[in-house]
Amino acid sequence: MADMAQAPETLPAAPPPRRRARMIPALLAVALTATVVEGVALVRIATDHEDTPTTPVASVVRTSGGEEDLSGVIANSMRSVVAVEVTATRPGPFGQPVQVGGQGSGVIVRDGVVLTNAHVVDGATQVSVVFDDETHADASVLGSDSTHDIAVLSVDTGDRPPIEIGSSSSLRLGQRVVALGYPLGLGETATAGIVSGINRTIDVSNGTGGSEHLVGVLQTDAAINPGNSGGPLIDAEGRLVGINTAGASAASAENIGFAISIDEALPIIRDLASQAV
């Protein structure tokens, strides 16, 4: 497992950036799939060696009531977060292929490289990203690992800063975390919570009648909603500690969300990026 204490982490050099895309329509609807694990329905939410600059880490401010003010940290981190829009081919009601739209989130991990979930871009025929300033750019899938629900995209990120990569191995129960992303087509959103569980193992539907077995997963009570998939879970200093991947349905449980731990993900991210170069 990579040592995440070192900062900043870097990834293999990415291919040349792709051209900016034309403006495209508003965010598309998100498809939800679910599976039952120990009585809880888990909802899948879909729809390196150079030194690179990273997002400055803002200081955590204490309010007069003694609580943390995370607004500065969130504002800095949001510069590295993108919405991911996809057009994908899925089996129709009679088995014929149909084109569907979906939306998720992603995060810039180095210049020209965006990290998201594999299920967000599964079967994608077209991928684009929307930055925090509402500009769009075409993206291509460099590599995808459905076993770990990780995908790496190549996109022209311009001068937008990569997020700083942290360490999930240093997390403790009760530690403050924030889930960032673009849920439900509402625009950039932050939800705060704590680390509720570490090193969880879950099974999540893959949308084709089967399920995927995810290990080394973080559990949090920060709200993770449709469209958050692939967005970052950050600590109170703005460092990436997980990739949002699934939430428990409201009918089964409340305040239960899951994220792929960054320590589990980083070796796969490096491998996917290096294979595509």
C-alpha atoms as a PDB file:
ATOM      1  CA  MET A   1       0.000   0.000   0.000  1.00  0.00           C
ATOM      2  CA  ALA A   2       1.295   3.385  -0.969  1.00  0.00           C
ATOM      3  CA  ASP A   3       2.412   5.649   1.824  1.00  0.00           C
ATOM      4  CA  MET A   4      -0.045   8.550   1.648  1.00  0.00           C
ATOM      5  CA  ALA A   5       1.769  10.617   4.297  1.00  0.00           C
ATOM      6  CA  GLN A   6       3.944  12.103   1.581  1.00  0.00           C
ATOM      7  CA  ALA A   7       2.485  15.136  -0.142  1.00  0.00           C
ATOM      8  CA  PRO A   8       1.890  15.834  -2.837  1.00  0.00           C
ATOM      9  CA  GLU A   9       1.402  12.400  -4.483  1.00  0.00           C
ATOM     10  CA  THR A  10       1.922  12.331  -8.216  1.00  0.00           C
ATOM     11  CA  LEU A  11       0.772   9.999 -10.956  1.00  0.00           C
ATOM     12  CA  PRO A  12       2.358   8.928 -14.250  1.00  0.00           C
ATOM     13  CA  ALA A  13       2.415  11.601 -16.935  1.00  0.00           C
ATOM     14  CA  ALA A  14      -0.893  11.728 -18.806  1.00  0.00           C
ATOM     15  CA  PRO A  15      -1.357  11.687 -22.622  1.00  0.00           C
ATOM     16  CA  PRO A  16      -1.691  15.038 -24.440  1.00  0.00           C
ATOM     17  CA  PRO A  17      -4.863  16.850 -23.350  1.00  0.00           C
ATOM     18  CA  ARG A  18      -7.976  16.639 -25.551  1.00  0.00           C
ATOM     19  CA  ARG A  19      -9.668  19.652 -27.064  1.00  0.00           C
ATOM     20  CA  ARG A  20     -12.370  21.569 -25.253  1.00  0.00           C
ATOM     21  CA  ALA A  21     -15.879  20.439 -26.119  1.00  0.00           C
ATOM     22  CA  ARG A  22     -18.760  22.623 -27.253  1.00  0.00           C
ATOM     23  CA  MET A  23     -21.465  23.510 -24.751  1.00  0.00           C
ATOM     24  CA  ILE A  24     -23.854  20.612 -24.169  1.00  0.00           C
ATOM     25  CA  PRO A  25     -27.342  20.351 -22.640  1.00  0.00           C
ATOM     26  CA  ALA A  26     -28.060  20.363 -18.921  1.00  0.00           C
ATOM     27  CA  LEU A  27     -27.194  17.428 -16.701  1.00  0.00           C
ATOM     28  CA  LEU A  28     -29.000  14.199 -17.527  1.00  0.00           C
ATOM     29  CA  ALA A  29     -31.017  11.950 -15.241  1.00  0.00           C
ATOM     30  CA  VAL A  30     -29.221   9.396 -13.087  1.00  0.00           C
ATOM     31  CA  ALA A  31     -29.961   5.681 -13.059  1.00  0.00           C
ATOM     32  CA  LEU A  32     -29.971   3.878  -9.713  1.00  0.00           C
ATOM     33  CA  THR A  33     -29.372   0.192  -9.031  1.00  0.00           C
ATOM     34  CA  ALA A  34     -29.420  -1.586  -5.696  1.00  0.00           C
ATOM     35  CA  THR A  35     -28.506  -4.773  -3.924  1.00  0.00           C
ATOM     36  CA  VAL A  36     -29.198  -6.039  -0.397  1.00  0.00           C
ATOM     37  CA  VAL A  37     -26.327  -6.607   2.011  1.00  0.00           C
ATOM     38  CA  GLU A  38     -27.182  -7.801   5.518  1.00  0.00           C
ATOM     39  CA  GLY A  39     -30.664  -6.368   5.121  1.00  0.00           C
ATOM     40  CA  VAL A  40     -29.509  -2.975   3.818  1.00  0.00           C
ATOM     41  CA  ALA A  41     -30.109  -1.865   0.224  1.00  0.00           C
ATOM     42  CA  LEU A  42     -26.937  -0.308  -1.150  1.00  0.00           C
ATOM     43  CA  VAL A  43     -27.589   2.147  -3.949  1.00  0.00           C
ATOM     44  CA  ARG A  44     -24.936   2.531  -6.606  1.00  0.00           C
ATOM     45  CA  ILE A  45     -24.779   6.170  -7.496  1.00  0.00           C
ATOM     46  CA  ALA A  46     -24.418   6.662 -11.203  1.00  0.00           C
ATOM     47  CA  THR A  47     -25.666   8.593 -13.067  1.00  0.00           C
ATOM     48  CA  ASP A  48       3.461   9.524 -11.787  1.00  0.00           C
ATOM     49  CA  HIS A  49       6.733  11.045 -11.355  1.00  0.00           C
ATOM     50  CA  GLU A  50       6.879  14.742 -11.806  1.00  0.00           C
ATOM     51  CA  ASP A  51       6.036  17.120  -9.012  1.00  0.00           C
ATOM     52  CA  THR A  52       2.722  18.811  -9.793  1.00  0.00           C
ATOM     53  CA  PRO A  53       1.034  21.758  -8.075  1.00  0.00           C
ATOM     54  CA  THR A  54      -1.749  20.860  -5.680  1.00  0.00           C
ATOM     55  CA  THR A  55      -4.686  22.713  -4.243  1.00  0.00           C
ATOM     56  CA  PRO A  56      -3.511  24.915  -1.351  1.00  0.00           C
ATOM     57  CA  VAL A  57      -4.679  23.553   1.977  1.00  0.00           C
ATOM     58  CA  ALA A  58      -6.760  26.119   3.839  1.00  0.00           C
ATOM     59  CA  SER A  59      -6.549  26.341   7.590  1.00  0.00           C
ATOM     60  CA  VAL A  60      -9.511  25.027   9.560  1.00  0.00           C
ATOM     61  CA  VAL A  61     -11.184  27.964  11.282  1.00  0.00           C
ATOM     62  CA  ARG A  62     -12.963  27.739  14.630  1.00  0.00           C
ATOM     63  CA  THR A  63     -16.241  29.583  15.004  1.00  0.00           C
ATOM     64  CA  SER A  64     -17.208  31.440  18.175  1.00  0.00           C
ATOM     65  CA  GLY A  65     -19.068  28.302  19.247  1.00  0.00           C
ATOM     66  CA  GLY A  66     -15.899  26.241  18.947  1.00  0.00           C
ATOM     67  CA  GLU A  67     -17.076  24.326  15.861  1.00  0.00           C
ATOM     68  CA  GLU A  68     -14.989  23.858  12.719  1.00  0.00           C
ATOM     69  CA  ASP A  69     -15.629  26.202   9.809  1.00  0.00           C
ATOM     70  CA  LEU A  70     -14.816  24.138   6.729  1.00  0.00           C
ATOM     71  CA  SER A  71     -15.910  26.735   4.168  1.00  0.00           C
ATOM     72  CA  GLY A  72     -12.369  27.686   3.145  1.00  0.00           C
ATOM     73  CA  VAL A  73     -11.285  24.058   2.787  1.00  0.00           C
ATOM     74  CA  ILE A  74     -14.383  23.226   0.739  1.00  0.00           C
ATOM     75  CA  ALA A  75     -13.973  26.257  -1.550  1.00  0.00           C
ATOM     76  CA  ASN A  76     -10.361  25.288  -2.310  1.00  0.00           C
ATOM     77  CA  SER A  77     -11.173  21.615  -2.895  1.00  0.00           C
ATOM     78  CA  MET A  78     -14.166  22.358  -5.133  1.00  0.00           C
ATOM     79  CA  ARG A  79     -11.798  23.849  -7.716  1.00  0.00           C
ATOM     80  CA  SER A  80     -10.599  20.289  -8.344  1.00  0.00           C
ATOM     81  CA  VAL A  81     -14.062  18.676  -8.532  1.00  0.00           C
ATOM     82  CA  VAL A  82     -15.936  18.110 -11.810  1.00  0.00           C
ATOM     83  CA  ALA A  83     -19.296  16.807 -12.946  1.00  0.00           C
ATOM     84  CA  VAL A  84     -18.982  13.827 -15.315  1.00  0.00           C
ATOM     85  CA  GLU A  85     -21.609  13.515 -18.066  1.00  0.00           C
ATOM     86  CA  VAL A  86     -21.881  10.326 -20.112  1.00  0.00           C
ATOM     87  CA  THR A  87     -23.822   8.837 -22.971  1.00  0.00           C
ATOM     88  CA  ALA A  88     -23.721   5.067 -22.638  1.00  0.00           C
ATOM     89  CA  THR A  89     -25.052   1.926 -24.275  1.00  0.00           C
ATOM     90  CA  ARG A  90     -27.248  -0.240 -22.062  1.00  0.00           C
ATOM     91  CA  PRO A  91     -29.426  -3.324 -22.723  1.00  0.00           C
ATOM     92  CA  GLY A  92     -32.997  -2.317 -23.536  1.00  0.00           C
ATOM     93  CA  PRO A  93     -36.179  -4.018 -22.240  1.00  0.00           C
ATOM     94  CA  PHE A  94     -35.968  -6.632 -25.019  1.00  0.00           C
ATOM     95  CA  GLY A  95     -32.211  -7.005 -24.946  1.00  0.00           C
ATOM     96  CA  GLN A  96     -31.525  -4.505 -27.712  1.00  0.00           C
ATOM     97  CA  PRO A  97     -28.860  -1.833 -27.050  1.00  0.00           C
ATOM     98  CA  VAL A  98     -30.198   1.622 -26.185  1.00  0.00           C
ATOM     99  CA  GLN A  99     -28.452   4.942 -25.618  1.00  0.00           C
ATOM    100  CA  VAL A 100     -28.925   6.441 -22.156  1.00  0.00           C
ATOM    101  CA  GLY A 101     -27.552   9.488 -20.390  1.00  0.00           C
ATOM    102  CA  GLY A 102     -25.973   9.497 -16.952  1.00  0.00           C
ATOM    103  CA  GLN A 103     -24.132  11.779 -14.588  1.00  0.00           C
ATOM    104  CA  GLY A 104     -21.592  11.407 -11.822  1.00  0.00           C
ATOM    105  CA  SER A 105     -18.696  13.321 -10.321  1.00  0.00           C
ATOM    106  CA  GLY A 106     -14.926  13.247 -10.556  1.00  0.00           C
ATOM    107  CA  VAL A 107     -11.813  14.876  -9.159  1.00  0.00           C
ATOM    108  CA  ILE A 108      -8.603  16.146 -10.767  1.00  0.00           C
ATOM    109  CA  VAL A 109      -5.678  14.115  -9.388  1.00  0.00           C
ATOM    110  CA  ARG A 110      -3.002  15.492 -11.701  1.00  0.00           C
ATOM    111  CA  ASP A 111      -2.801  17.760 -14.744  1.00  0.00           C
ATOM    112  CA  GLY A 112      -4.975  16.217 -17.455  1.00  0.00           C
ATOM    113  CA  VAL A 113      -6.159  13.287 -15.297  1.00  0.00           C
ATOM    114  CA  VAL A 114      -9.553  12.972 -13.607  1.00  0.00           C
ATOM    115  CA  LEU A 115     -10.539  10.157 -11.238  1.00  0.00           C
ATOM    116  CA  THR A 116     -14.102   8.814 -11.090  1.00  0.00           C
ATOM    117  CA  ASN A 117     -15.987   5.528 -10.532  1.00  0.00           C
ATOM    118  CA  ALA A 118     -15.906   2.732 -13.102  1.00  0.00           C
ATOM    119  CA  HIS A 119     -19.688   2.371 -12.973  1.00  0.00           C
ATOM    120  CA  VAL A 120     -20.138   6.038 -13.917  1.00  0.00           C
ATOM    121  CA  VAL A 121     -18.468   5.484 -17.322  1.00  0.00           C
ATOM    122  CA  ASP A 122     -19.412   1.828 -17.855  1.00  0.00           C
ATOM    123  CA  GLY A 123     -20.433   1.347 -21.479  1.00  0.00           C
ATOM    124  CA  ALA A 124     -19.857   5.020 -22.246  1.00  0.00           C
ATOM    125  CA  THR A 125     -19.791   6.073 -25.893  1.00  0.00           C
ATOM    126  CA  GLN A 126     -19.233   9.731 -25.026  1.00  0.00           C
ATOM    127  CA  VAL A 127     -17.795  11.344 -21.878  1.00  0.00           C
ATOM    128  CA  SER A 128     -17.437  15.004 -20.967  1.00  0.00           C
ATOM    129  CA  VAL A 129     -16.750  16.934 -17.787  1.00  0.00           C
ATOM    130  CA  VAL A 130     -18.119  20.191 -16.421  1.00  0.00           C
ATOM    131  CA  PHE A 131     -15.752  22.307 -14.323  1.00  0.00           C
ATOM    132  CA  ASP A 132     -16.665  24.538 -11.394  1.00  0.00           C
ATOM    133  CA  ASP A 133     -16.845  27.555 -13.733  1.00  0.00           C
ATOM    134  CA  GLU A 134     -19.449  25.673 -15.838  1.00  0.00           C
ATOM    135  CA  THR A 135     -17.168  25.193 -18.844  1.00  0.00           C
ATOM    136  CA  HIS A 136     -17.200  21.804 -20.588  1.00  0.00           C
ATOM    137  CA  ALA A 137     -14.457  19.591 -22.020  1.00  0.00           C
ATOM    138  CA  ASP A 138     -14.416  16.265 -23.853  1.00  0.00           C
ATOM    139  CA  ALA A 139     -12.905  13.359 -21.929  1.00  0.00           C
ATOM    140  CA  SER A 140     -11.724   9.854 -22.781  1.00  0.00           C
ATOM    141  CA  VAL A 141     -11.450   6.802 -20.537  1.00  0.00           C
ATOM    142  CA  LEU A 142      -7.776   5.957 -19.994  1.00  0.00           C
ATOM    143  CA  GLY A 143      -8.589   2.835 -18.015  1.00  0.00           C
ATOM    144  CA  SER A 144     -11.208   1.267 -15.789  1.00  0.00           C
ATOM    145  CA  ASP A 145     -11.197  -1.328 -12.985  1.00  0.00           C
ATOM    146  CA  SER A 146     -14.717  -2.513 -12.110  1.00  0.00           C
ATOM    147  CA  THR A 147     -13.403  -4.737  -9.299  1.00  0.00           C
ATOM    148  CA  HIS A 148     -12.356  -1.618  -7.404  1.00  0.00           C
ATOM    149  CA  ASP A 149     -14.927   0.681  -9.080  1.00  0.00           C
ATOM    150  CA  ILE A 150     -12.249   3.088 -10.322  1.00  0.00           C
ATOM    151  CA  ALA A 151     -11.844   4.782 -13.691  1.00  0.00           C
ATOM    152  CA  VAL A 152      -9.263   7.278 -14.918  1.00  0.00           C
ATOM    153  CA  LEU A 153     -10.138   9.921 -17.524  1.00  0.00           C
ATOM    154  CA  SER A 154      -7.942  12.019 -19.791  1.00  0.00           C
ATOM    155  CA  VAL A 155      -9.211  15.595 -20.126  1.00  0.00           C
ATOM    156  CA  ASP A 156      -7.793  19.061 -20.674  1.00  0.00           C
ATOM    157  CA  THR A 157      -7.934  20.435 -17.122  1.00  0.00           C
ATOM    158  CA  GLY A 158      -6.291  23.757 -18.018  1.00  0.00           C
ATOM    159  CA  ASP A 159      -4.791  25.553 -15.033  1.00  0.00           C
ATOM    160  CA  ARG A 160      -7.188  23.997 -12.524  1.00  0.00           C
ATOM    161  CA  PRO A 161      -5.302  22.514  -9.548  1.00  0.00           C
ATOM    162  CA  PRO A 162      -5.140  18.799  -8.736  1.00  0.00           C
ATOM    163  CA  ILE A 163      -6.477  17.917  -5.305  1.00  0.00           C
ATOM    164  CA  GLU A 164      -3.966  17.036  -2.603  1.00  0.00           C
ATOM    165  CA  ILE A 165      -3.908  13.311  -1.908  1.00  0.00           C
ATOM    166  CA  GLY A 166      -4.097  12.228   1.715  1.00  0.00           C
ATOM    167  CA  SER A 167      -3.967   8.903   3.530  1.00  0.00           C
ATOM    168  CA  SER A 168      -6.976   6.813   4.468  1.00  0.00           C
ATOM    169  CA  SER A 169      -4.856   4.614   6.744  1.00  0.00           C
ATOM    170  CA  SER A 170      -4.518   7.504   9.190  1.00  0.00           C
ATOM    171  CA  LEU A 171      -8.284   7.999   9.535  1.00  0.00           C
ATOM    172  CA  ARG A 172      -9.992   7.285  12.843  1.00  0.00           C
ATOM    173  CA  LEU A 173     -13.613   6.739  13.806  1.00  0.00           C
ATOM    174  CA  GLY A 174     -15.301  10.068  14.409  1.00  0.00           C
ATOM    175  CA  GLN A 175     -12.862  12.072  12.281  1.00  0.00           C
ATOM    176  CA  ARG A 176     -14.502  14.840  10.233  1.00  0.00           C
ATOM    177  CA  VAL A 177     -14.875  14.228   6.467  1.00  0.00           C
ATOM    178  CA  VAL A 178     -16.715  16.001   3.642  1.00  0.00           C
ATOM    179  CA  ALA A 179     -18.250  14.473   0.491  1.00  0.00           C
ATOM    180  CA  LEU A 180     -18.038  16.722  -2.575  1.00  0.00           C
ATOM    181  CA  GLY A 181     -19.755  16.352  -5.926  1.00  0.00           C
ATOM    182  CA  TYR A 182     -22.656  17.203  -8.183  1.00  0.00           C
ATOM    183  CA  PRO A 183     -25.655  15.203  -6.912  1.00  0.00           C
ATOM    184  CA  LEU A 184     -29.066  15.206  -8.627  1.00  0.00           C
ATOM    185  CA  GLY A 185     -27.973  17.832 -11.147  1.00  0.00           C
ATOM    186  CA  LEU A 186     -28.136  20.512  -8.457  1.00  0.00           C
ATOM    187  CA  GLY A 187     -24.651  21.922  -8.938  1.00  0.00           C
ATOM    188  CA  GLU A 188     -21.614  21.727  -6.658  1.00  0.00           C
ATOM    189  CA  THR A 189     -22.561  20.332  -3.254  1.00  0.00           C
ATOM    190  CA  ALA A 190     -20.741  19.586   0.003  1.00  0.00           C
ATOM    191  CA  THR A 191     -22.053  17.355   2.792  1.00  0.00           C
ATOM    192  CA  ALA A 192     -20.153  16.953   6.062  1.00  0.00           C
ATOM    193  CA  GLY A 193     -20.031  14.022   8.436  1.00  0.00           C
ATOM    194  CA  ILE A 194     -17.645  11.719  10.239  1.00  0.00           C
ATOM    195  CA  VAL A 195     -15.842   8.476   9.515  1.00  0.00           C
ATOM    196  CA  SER A 196     -18.368   5.883  10.696  1.00  0.00           C
ATOM    197  CA  GLY A 197     -16.463   2.744   9.743  1.00  0.00           C
ATOM    198  CA  ILE A 198     -13.121   1.654   8.326  1.00  0.00           C
ATOM    199  CA  ASN A 199     -12.146  -1.266   6.097  1.00  0.00           C
ATOM    200  CA  ARG A 200     -15.713  -2.314   5.290  1.00  0.00           C
ATOM    201  CA  THR A 201     -16.534  -5.031   2.753  1.00  0.00           C
ATOM    202  CA  ILE A 202     -19.715  -4.529   0.724  1.00  0.00           C
ATOM    203  CA  ASP A 203     -21.499  -5.986  -2.307  1.00  0.00           C
ATOM    204  CA  VAL A 204     -23.084  -3.543  -4.733  1.00  0.00           C
ATOM    205  CA  SER A 205     -25.235  -4.291  -7.773  1.00  0.00           C
ATOM    206  CA  ASN A 206     -23.484  -3.848 -11.109  1.00  0.00           C
ATOM    207  CA  GLY A 207     -26.768  -3.113 -12.889  1.00  0.00           C
ATOM    208  CA  THR A 208     -26.714  -6.298 -14.969  1.00  0.00           C
ATOM    209  CA  GLY A 209     -28.109  -8.708 -12.394  1.00  0.00           C
ATOM    210  CA  GLY A 210     -24.797  -9.382 -10.665  1.00  0.00           C
ATOM    211  CA  SER A 211     -22.870  -7.628  -7.931  1.00  0.00           C
ATOM    212  CA  GLU A 212     -19.367  -6.412  -7.244  1.00  0.00           C
ATOM    213  CA  HIS A 213     -17.448  -7.181  -4.065  1.00  0.00           C
ATOM    214  CA  LEU A 214     -15.677  -4.061  -2.767  1.00  0.00           C
ATOM    215  CA  VAL A 215     -13.110  -4.303   0.028  1.00  0.00           C
ATOM    216  CA  GLY A 216     -11.243  -1.707   2.064  1.00  0.00           C
ATOM    217  CA  VAL A 217     -14.211   0.667   1.928  1.00  0.00           C
ATOM    218  CA  LEU A 218     -14.770   3.658   4.191  1.00  0.00           C
ATOM    219  CA  GLN A 219     -18.179   4.230   5.780  1.00  0.00           C
ATOM    220  CA  THR A 220     -19.426   7.745   6.518  1.00  0.00           C
ATOM    221  CA  ASP A 221     -22.610   9.485   7.620  1.00  0.00           C
ATOM    222  CA  ALA A 222     -21.937  12.363   5.179  1.00  0.00           C
ATOM    223  CA  ALA A 223     -24.841  12.304   2.713  1.00  0.00           C
ATOM    224  CA  ILE A 224     -23.894  10.601  -0.570  1.00  0.00           C
ATOM    225  CA  ASN A 225     -26.637  11.007  -3.160  1.00  0.00           C
ATOM    226  CA  PRO A 226     -27.170  10.144  -6.850  1.00  0.00           C
ATOM    227  CA  GLY A 227     -24.575  12.053  -8.859  1.00  0.00           C
ATOM    228  CA  ASN A 228     -21.999  12.049  -6.024  1.00  0.00           C
ATOM    229  CA  SER A 229     -20.457   8.865  -7.431  1.00  0.00           C
ATOM    230  CA  GLY A 230     -16.788   9.362  -8.274  1.00  0.00           C
ATOM    231  CA  GLY A 231     -16.502  12.592  -6.307  1.00  0.00           C
ATOM    232  CA  PRO A 232     -13.955  13.029  -3.531  1.00  0.00           C
ATOM    233  CA  LEU A 233     -14.290  12.339   0.168  1.00  0.00           C
ATOM    234  CA  ILE A 234     -11.886  14.784   1.838  1.00  0.00           C
ATOM    235  CA  ASP A 235     -10.597  15.228   5.365  1.00  0.00           C
ATOM    236  CA  ALA A 236     -10.766  18.485   7.339  1.00  0.00           C
ATOM    237  CA  GLU A 237      -7.569  19.708   5.656  1.00  0.00           C
ATOM    238  CA  GLY A 238      -8.934  19.205   2.131  1.00  0.00           C
ATOM    239  CA  ARG A 239      -6.945  16.066   1.328  1.00  0.00           C
ATOM    240  CA  LEU A 240      -8.446  13.268  -0.769  1.00  0.00           C
ATOM    241  CA  VAL A 241      -9.065  10.205   1.423  1.00  0.00           C
ATOM    242  CA  GLY A 242     -11.763   8.375  -0.554  1.00  0.00           C
ATOM    243  CA  ILE A 243     -13.859   8.180  -3.724  1.00  0.00           C
ATOM    244  CA  ASN A 244     -17.616   8.239  -3.128  1.00  0.00           C
ATOM    245  CA  THR A 245     -19.230   5.096  -4.513  1.00  0.00           C
ATOM    246  CA  ALA A 246     -22.529   4.060  -2.867  1.00  0.00           C
ATOM    247  CA  GLY A 247     -25.160   4.902  -0.289  1.00  0.00           C
ATOM    248  CA  ALA A 248     -27.816   2.974   1.605  1.00  0.00           C
ATOM    249  CA  SER A 249     -31.346   3.611   0.379  1.00  0.00           C
ATOM    250  CA  ALA A 250     -33.558   5.675   2.682  1.00  0.00           C
ATOM    251  CA  ALA A 251     -36.022   2.769   2.909  1.00  0.00           C
ATOM    252  CA  SER A 252     -33.382   0.568   4.500  1.00  0.00           C
ATOM    253  CA  ALA A 253     -31.165   2.872   6.547  1.00  0.00           C
ATOM    254  CA  GLU A 254     -30.133   6.479   7.028  1.00  0.00           C
ATOM    255  CA  ASN A 255     -26.769   8.245   7.058  1.00  0.00           C
ATOM    256  CA  ILE A 256     -24.813   5.318   5.635  1.00  0.00           C
ATOM    257  CA  GLY A 257     -22.535   6.058   2.691  1.00  0.00           C
ATOM    258  CA  PHE A 258     -19.430   4.374   1.344  1.00  0.00           C
ATOM    259  CA  ALA A 259     -16.227   5.509  -0.349  1.00  0.00           C
ATOM    260  CA  ILE A 260     -13.297   3.610  -1.850  1.00  0.00           C
ATOM    261  CA  SER A 261     -10.324   4.383   0.380  1.00  0.00           C
ATOM    262  CA  ILE A 262      -7.561   6.291  -1.382  1.00  0.00           C
ATOM    263  CA  ASP A 263      -4.886   3.929  -0.047  1.00  0.00           C
ATOM    264  CA  GLU A 264      -6.738   1.051  -1.730  1.00  0.00           C
ATOM    265  CA  ALA A 265      -7.273   3.038  -4.928  1.00  0.00           C
ATOM    266  CA  LEU A 266      -3.931   4.739  -5.552  1.00  0.00           C
ATOM    267  CA  PRO A 267      -1.950   1.714  -6.844  1.00  0.00           C
ATOM    268  CA  ILE A 268      -4.785   0.945  -9.286  1.00  0.00           C
ATOM    269  CA  ILE A 269      -4.953   4.582 -10.414  1.00  0.00           C
ATOM    270  CA  ARG A 270      -1.202   4.548 -11.148  1.00  0.00           C
ATOM    271  CA  ASP A 271      -1.524   1.274 -13.027  1.00  0.00           C
ATOM    272  CA  LEU A 272      -4.474   2.408 -15.147  1.00  0.00           C
ATOM    273  CA  ALA A 273      -2.784   5.683 -16.057  1.00  0.00           C
ATOM    274  CA  SER A 274       0.563   4.064 -16.899  1.00  0.00           C
ATOM    275  CA  GLN A 275      -1.014   1.378 -19.113  1.00  0.00           C
ATOM    276  CA  ALA A 276      -2.739   4.016 -21.203  1.00  0.00           C
ATOM    277  CA  VAL A 277       0.330   6.222 -21.740  1.00  0.00           C
END
